[in-house]
C-alpha atoms as a PDB file:
ATOM      1  CA  MET A   1      15.565  13.365  28.930  1.00  0.00           C
ATOM      2  CA  THR A   2      16.130  10.876  25.617  1.00  0.00           C
ATOM      3  CA  TYR A   3      18.689  12.719  22.976  1.00  0.00           C
ATOM      4  CA  GLY A   4      18.442  11.504  18.924  1.00  0.00           C
ATOM      5  CA  ILE A   5      18.937  13.009  15.507  1.00  0.00           C
ATOM      6  CA  MET A   6      17.353  12.053  12.387  1.00  0.00           C
ATOM      7  CA  ASN A   7      19.383  11.493   9.681  1.00  0.00           C
ATOM      8  CA  PHE A   8      19.245  11.816   5.941  1.00  0.00           C
ATOM      9  CA  GLU A   9      22.379  12.557   3.888  1.00  0.00           C
ATOM     10  CA  PHE A  10      25.543  11.385   6.458  1.00  0.00           C
ATOM     11  CA  PHE A  11      25.856   7.371   5.803  1.00  0.00           C
ATOM     12  CA  SER A  12      29.327   5.871   6.152  1.00  0.00           C
ATOM     13  CA  SER A  13      30.019   2.803   8.266  1.00  0.00           C
ATOM     14  CA  GLY A  14      31.434   5.192  11.618  1.00  0.00           C
ATOM     15  CA  ILE A  15      28.028   7.345  12.098  1.00  0.00           C
ATOM     16  CA  ASN A  16      26.543   5.284  14.893  1.00  0.00           C
ATOM     17  CA  GLU A  17      29.729   5.109  16.927  1.00  0.00           C
ATOM     18  CA  ILE A  18      30.282   9.078  15.874  1.00  0.00           C
ATOM     19  CA  LEU A  19      26.595  10.347  17.243  1.00  0.00           C
ATOM     20  CA  SER A  20      26.917   7.928  19.798  1.00  0.00           C
ATOM     21  CA  ASN A  21      29.686   9.350  21.257  1.00  0.00           C
ATOM     22  CA  SER A  22      28.628  12.904  21.210  1.00  0.00           C
ATOM     23  CA  GLY A  23      25.867  11.955  23.670  1.00  0.00           C
ATOM     24  CA  LEU A  24      22.944  11.255  21.355  1.00  0.00           C
ATOM     25  CA  GLU A  25      20.750   8.026  22.174  1.00  0.00           C
ATOM     26  CA  PHE A  26      18.897   7.237  18.782  1.00  0.00           C
ATOM     27  CA  VAL A  27      19.204   8.181  15.274  1.00  0.00           C
ATOM     28  CA  ILE A  28      16.720   7.394  12.978  1.00  0.00           C
ATOM     29  CA  TYR A  29      17.829   6.644   9.205  1.00  0.00           C
ATOM     30  CA  ASP A  30      15.210   8.819   6.242  1.00  0.00           C
ATOM     31  CA  GLN A  31      14.023   6.266   3.686  1.00  0.00           C
ATOM     32  CA  GLU A  32      10.857   8.414   2.691  1.00  0.00           C
ATOM     33  CA  HIS A  33      13.110  12.353   2.293  1.00  0.00           C
ATOM     34  CA  GLY A  34      16.529  10.547   2.246  1.00  0.00           C
ATOM     35  CA  ASN A  35      18.759   9.014   0.026  1.00  0.00           C
ATOM     36  CA  ILE A  36      19.686   5.339   1.916  1.00  0.00           C
ATOM     37  CA  SER A  37      19.511   2.707   0.854  1.00  0.00           C
ATOM     38  CA  TYR A  38      18.615  -0.454   2.084  1.00  0.00           C
ATOM     39  CA  GLU A  39      22.480  -1.679   1.784  1.00  0.00           C
ATOM     40  CA  GLN A  40      23.282   0.982   3.999  1.00  0.00           C
ATOM     41  CA  LEU A  41      20.717   0.332   5.862  1.00  0.00           C
ATOM     42  CA  LYS A  42      21.507  -3.194   6.757  1.00  0.00           C
ATOM     43  CA  THR A  43      25.735  -1.804   7.228  1.00  0.00           C
ATOM     44  CA  LEU A  44      24.147   0.771   9.454  1.00  0.00           C
ATOM     45  CA  SER A  45      22.331  -1.635  11.336  1.00  0.00           C
ATOM     46  CA  LEU A  46      24.610  -3.535  12.675  1.00  0.00           C
ATOM     47  CA  TYR A  47      26.249  -1.048  14.941  1.00  0.00           C
ATOM     48  CA  LYS A  48      24.412  -1.992  17.699  1.00  0.00           C
ATOM     49  CA  SER A  49      26.727   1.025  20.059  1.00  0.00           C
ATOM     50  CA  MET A  50      23.210   3.081  19.809  1.00  0.00           C
ATOM     51  CA  LEU A  51      18.938   2.900  18.833  1.00  0.00           C
ATOM     52  CA  SER A  52      18.661   2.746  15.133  1.00  0.00           C
ATOM     53  CA  ILE A  53      15.879   3.849  13.527  1.00  0.00           C
ATOM     54  CA  THR A  54      14.731   4.230   9.616  1.00  0.00           C
ATOM     55  CA  ARG A  55      11.579   6.424   8.869  1.00  0.00           C
ATOM     56  CA  VAL A  56       9.931   4.159   5.867  1.00  0.00           C
ATOM     57  CA  PRO A  57       8.995   5.625   2.560  1.00  0.00           C
ATOM     58  CA  ALA A  58       5.304   4.363   3.384  1.00  0.00           C
ATOM     59  CA  LEU A  59       2.691   1.983   4.930  1.00  0.00           C
ATOM     60  CA  LYS A  60       3.523  -0.637   3.002  1.00  0.00           C
ATOM     61  CA  TYR A  61       4.586  -4.248   4.573  1.00  0.00           C
ATOM     62  CA  HIS A  62       7.596  -5.105   2.172  1.00  0.00           C
ATOM     63  CA  LEU A  63       9.210  -1.774   2.964  1.00  0.00           C
ATOM     64  CA  ILE A  64       8.436  -2.328   7.135  1.00  0.00           C
ATOM     65  CA  ALA A  65       9.078  -6.142   6.799  1.00  0.00           C
ATOM     66  CA  LYS A  66      12.642  -5.987   5.199  1.00  0.00           C
ATOM     67  CA  SER A  67      14.008  -2.927   7.041  1.00  0.00           C
ATOM     68  CA  LEU A  68      13.556  -4.642  10.282  1.00  0.00           C
ATOM     69  CA  ASP A  69      15.157  -7.764   8.955  1.00  0.00           C
ATOM     70  CA  ALA A  70      18.056  -6.304   8.092  1.00  0.00           C
ATOM     71  CA  GLY A  71      18.264  -5.039  11.537  1.00  0.00           C
ATOM     72  CA  ILE A  72      16.857  -1.981  12.293  1.00  0.00           C
ATOM     73  CA  ASN A  73      15.257  -1.296  15.991  1.00  0.00           C
ATOM     74  CA  GLY A  74      12.230   0.775  15.197  1.00  0.00           C
ATOM     75  CA  ILE A  75       9.982   2.148  12.224  1.00  0.00           C
ATOM     76  CA  MET A  76       9.008   5.646  12.001  1.00  0.00           C
ATOM     77  CA  CYS A  77       6.583   5.391   9.800  1.00  0.00           C
ATOM     78  CA  PRO A  78       3.922   8.875   7.466  1.00  0.00           C
ATOM     79  CA  LYS A  79       1.098   9.495   7.114  1.00  0.00           C
ATOM     80  CA  ILE A  80      -0.413   8.201   9.869  1.00  0.00           C
ATOM     81  CA  GLU A  81      -4.201   9.400  10.107  1.00  0.00           C
ATOM     82  CA  THR A  82      -6.206   6.445  11.302  1.00  0.00           C
ATOM     83  CA  ARG A  83      -6.734   3.748  13.869  1.00  0.00           C
ATOM     84  CA  GLU A  84      -6.127   1.101  11.305  1.00  0.00           C
ATOM     85  CA  GLN A  85      -2.945   2.235   9.497  1.00  0.00           C
ATOM     86  CA  ALA A  86      -1.548   2.466  13.133  1.00  0.00           C
ATOM     87  CA  GLU A  87      -2.781  -1.354  13.687  1.00  0.00           C
ATOM     88  CA  LYS A  88      -1.604  -2.245  10.019  1.00  0.00           C
ATOM     89  CA  LEU A  89       1.526  -0.607  11.517  1.00  0.00           C
ATOM     90  CA  VAL A  90       1.941  -3.045  14.225  1.00  0.00           C
ATOM     91  CA  GLU A  91       0.522  -5.453  12.128  1.00  0.00           C
ATOM     92  CA  TYR A  92       3.234  -5.427   9.596  1.00  0.00           C
ATOM     93  CA  SER A  93       6.100  -5.206  11.874  1.00  0.00           C
ATOM     94  CA  LYS A  94       5.342  -7.980  14.330  1.00  0.00           C
ATOM     95  CA  TYR A  95       5.360 -11.390  14.904  1.00  0.00           C
ATOM     96  CA  ARG A  96       2.483 -13.462  15.659  1.00  0.00           C
ATOM     97  CA  PRO A  97       0.290 -12.974  17.588  1.00  0.00           C
ATOM     98  CA  GLU A  98       1.139  -9.573  17.681  1.00  0.00           C
ATOM     99  CA  GLY A  99       0.848  -9.154  14.426  1.00  0.00           C
ATOM    100  CA  LYS A 100       2.177 -11.495  10.605  1.00  0.00           C
ATOM    101  CA  ARG A 101       4.791 -10.142  10.019  1.00  0.00           C
ATOM    102  CA  GLY A 102       6.940 -13.253   8.148  1.00  0.00           C
ATOM    103  CA  LEU A 103       9.796 -15.627   9.545  1.00  0.00           C
ATOM    104  CA  ALA A 104      13.086 -15.378   8.780  1.00  0.00           C
ATOM    105  CA  PHE A 105      15.565 -16.839  11.438  1.00  0.00           C
ATOM    106  CA  GLY A 106      19.485 -16.349  11.456  1.00  0.00           C
ATOM    107  CA  ILE A 107      19.358 -12.962   9.752  1.00  0.00           C
ATOM    108  CA  ALA A 108      21.134  -9.777  10.275  1.00  0.00           C
ATOM    109  CA  HIS A 109      17.930  -8.880  12.491  1.00  0.00           C
ATOM    110  CA  ASP A 110      19.568 -11.261  15.126  1.00  0.00           C
ATOM    111  CA  ASN A 111      22.886 -10.489  14.512  1.00  0.00           C
ATOM    112  CA  TYR A 112      22.780 -14.037  12.053  1.00  0.00           C
ATOM    113  CA  ASP A 113      22.372 -15.978  15.280  1.00  0.00           C
ATOM    114  CA  ARG A 114      20.939 -20.361  13.896  1.00  0.00           C
ATOM    115  CA  ASN A 115      21.286 -21.584  17.110  1.00  0.00           C
ATOM    116  CA  VAL A 116      18.561 -22.773  18.498  1.00  0.00           C
ATOM    117  CA  ASP A 117      18.526 -25.431  21.751  1.00  0.00           C
ATOM    118  CA  SER A 118      16.593 -29.017  21.833  1.00  0.00           C
ATOM    119  CA  ASN A 119      13.471 -27.896  21.731  1.00  0.00           C
ATOM    120  CA  ILE A 120      13.220 -25.280  18.402  1.00  0.00           C
ATOM    121  CA  PHE A 121       9.340 -24.130  19.340  1.00  0.00           C
ATOM    122  CA  THR A 122      10.508 -23.422  22.374  1.00  0.00           C
ATOM    123  CA  SER A 123      13.740 -21.199  21.757  1.00  0.00           C
ATOM    124  CA  ILE A 124      12.113 -19.847  18.500  1.00  0.00           C
ATOM    125  CA  ASN A 125       9.233 -18.060  20.414  1.00  0.00           C
ATOM    126  CA  SER A 126      11.785 -16.822  22.663  1.00  0.00           C
ATOM    127  CA  LYS A 127      12.547 -15.791  19.713  1.00  0.00           C
ATOM    128  CA  ILE A 128       9.900 -14.131  18.474  1.00  0.00           C
ATOM    129  CA  LYS A 129       8.649 -13.215  22.096  1.00  0.00           C
ATOM    130  CA  HIS A 130      11.949 -11.612  22.298  1.00  0.00           C
ATOM    131  CA  LEU A 131      11.961  -9.137  18.690  1.00  0.00           C
ATOM    132  CA  ASN A 132       8.205  -8.336  19.686  1.00  0.00           C
ATOM    133  CA  ASN A 133       8.927  -6.835  22.244  1.00  0.00           C
ATOM    134  CA  ASN A 134      12.401  -4.991  21.294  1.00  0.00           C
ATOM    135  CA  ILE A 135      11.201  -3.061  17.861  1.00  0.00           C
ATOM    136  CA  ILE A 136      10.664   0.167  18.502  1.00  0.00           C
ATOM    137  CA  LEU A 137       6.973   1.932  16.429  1.00  0.00           C
ATOM    138  CA  ILE A 138       6.332   5.347  15.922  1.00  0.00           C
ATOM    139  CA  PRO A 139       3.560   7.127  13.974  1.00  0.00           C
ATOM    140  CA  LEU A 140       4.064   9.933  12.345  1.00  0.00           C
ATOM    141  CA  ILE A 141       0.899  12.062  13.096  1.00  0.00           C
ATOM    142  CA  GLU A 142       1.405  15.166  10.571  1.00  0.00           C
ATOM    143  CA  THR A 143      -1.973  15.408   8.766  1.00  0.00           C
ATOM    144  CA  ALA A 144      -5.526  17.522  10.217  1.00  0.00           C
ATOM    145  CA  LEU A 145      -6.832  13.999   9.395  1.00  0.00           C
ATOM    146  CA  GLY A 146      -4.176  12.652  11.920  1.00  0.00           C
ATOM    147  CA  ILE A 147      -4.613  15.493  14.981  1.00  0.00           C
ATOM    148  CA  GLN A 148      -8.528  14.506  14.992  1.00  0.00           C
ATOM    149  CA  ASN A 149      -8.046  10.707  15.321  1.00  0.00           C
ATOM    150  CA  CYS A 150      -4.512  11.324  17.271  1.00  0.00           C
ATOM    151  CA  GLU A 151      -6.040   9.444  20.462  1.00  0.00           C
ATOM    152  CA  GLU A 152      -7.314   6.634  18.974  1.00  0.00           C
ATOM    153  CA  ILE A 153      -3.439   5.797  17.437  1.00  0.00           C
ATOM    154  CA  ILE A 154      -1.821   7.105  20.804  1.00  0.00           C
ATOM    155  CA  SER A 155      -3.866   3.853  21.871  1.00  0.00           C
ATOM    156  CA  VAL A 156      -2.959   1.042  19.325  1.00  0.00           C
ATOM    157  CA  GLU A 157      -1.117  -1.973  21.314  1.00  0.00           C
ATOM    158  CA  GLY A 158       2.341  -1.703  20.294  1.00  0.00           C
ATOM    159  CA  ILE A 159       2.901   2.207  19.454  1.00  0.00           C
ATOM    160  CA  ASP A 160       5.736   2.832  21.924  1.00  0.00           C
ATOM    161  CA  MET A 161       5.023   7.094  20.136  1.00  0.00           C
ATOM    162  CA  VAL A 162       4.182   9.247  18.014  1.00  0.00           C
ATOM    163  CA  TRP A 163       5.528  12.549  16.273  1.00  0.00           C
ATOM    164  CA  LEU A 164       4.307  15.039  15.723  1.00  0.00           C
ATOM    165  CA  GLY A 165       4.944  16.289  11.067  1.00  0.00           C
ATOM    166  CA  HIS A 166       4.928  19.619  11.528  1.00  0.00           C
ATOM    167  CA  TYR A 167       5.771  21.009   8.687  1.00  0.00           C
ATOM    168  CA  ASP A 168       3.591  18.909   6.931  1.00  0.00           C
ATOM    169  CA  LEU A 169       0.631  19.556   8.986  1.00  0.00           C
ATOM    170  CA  THR A 170       0.518  23.047   8.799  1.00  0.00           C
ATOM    171  CA  ASP A 171       0.675  22.258   4.425  1.00  0.00           C
ATOM    172  CA  SER A 172      -2.810  19.905   5.107  1.00  0.00           C
ATOM    173  CA  MET A 173      -3.962  22.763   6.591  1.00  0.00           C
ATOM    174  CA  GLY A 174      -3.669  25.246   4.798  1.00  0.00           C
ATOM    175  CA  ILE A 175      -1.292  27.413   6.478  1.00  0.00           C
ATOM    176  CA  VAL A 176       2.315  25.625   4.883  1.00  0.00           C
ATOM    177  CA  GLY A 177       4.935  27.325   7.430  1.00  0.00           C
ATOM    178  CA  GLU A 178       3.091  28.713   9.765  1.00  0.00           C
ATOM    179  CA  PHE A 179       4.498  28.109  13.045  1.00  0.00           C
ATOM    180  CA  GLU A 180       2.891  31.240  14.748  1.00  0.00           C
ATOM    181  CA  ASN A 181      -0.319  30.807  13.702  1.00  0.00           C
ATOM    182  CA  LYS A 182      -3.233  30.091  16.722  1.00  0.00           C
ATOM    183  CA  LYS A 183      -4.828  27.142  14.437  1.00  0.00           C
ATOM    184  CA  TYR A 184      -1.469  25.371  14.683  1.00  0.00           C
ATOM    185  CA  TRP A 185      -0.796  25.975  18.356  1.00  0.00           C
ATOM    186  CA  ASP A 186      -4.360  25.008  18.976  1.00  0.00           C
ATOM    187  CA  VAL A 187      -3.718  21.954  17.093  1.00  0.00           C
ATOM    188  CA  VAL A 188      -0.630  21.345  18.908  1.00  0.00           C
ATOM    189  CA  ASP A 189      -1.957  20.871  21.935  1.00  0.00           C
ATOM    190  CA  THR A 190      -4.439  18.446  20.699  1.00  0.00           C
ATOM    191  CA  PHE A 191      -1.029  16.746  20.253  1.00  0.00           C
ATOM    192  CA  ILE A 192      -0.101  17.177  23.422  1.00  0.00           C
ATOM    193  CA  ASN A 193      -3.364  16.865  25.378  1.00  0.00           C
ATOM    194  CA  ALA A 194      -3.351  13.099  23.344  1.00  0.00           C
ATOM    195  CA  CYS A 195      -0.279  12.162  24.216  1.00  0.00           C
END
């Protein structure tokens, strides 16, 4: 079992160490509903005691690539409802050939490493492969349409896990907050079976 937390409000520079020392293995910093700035995100990503993930506000290239360039380990993206959107999440997050993220090296995401060996082609390609293999991508499935398409979303190469957004899901179903409603549990079962 892996334990983590979603952080909406507490962004002091020591929070990763505090959370890690309490036994947690990952933290998700919320840019959608929380008030974390890009500069805070960049500072927090430097503390490597645990995995740092961010929930971006939307499926937009500049939000995803900038967060990853800041050194964050993964992206949670809200309102993923289709296979095509999940494919865009991978495309925006990974370098070629898996995606189309723009290249930038010697910055936060690769620990400001400017060292490349005499064969720069081999060195850069090794770095790209390492970075692509160490990004966690999490579509947030939180609508009835997302549930309808969750098997296709989950099947996209490069998606590592999915997350159920229970409040927005019930809202999209017209039963906001009714977590005892059989309709809600039926779609939860659909989600679990797809996983």
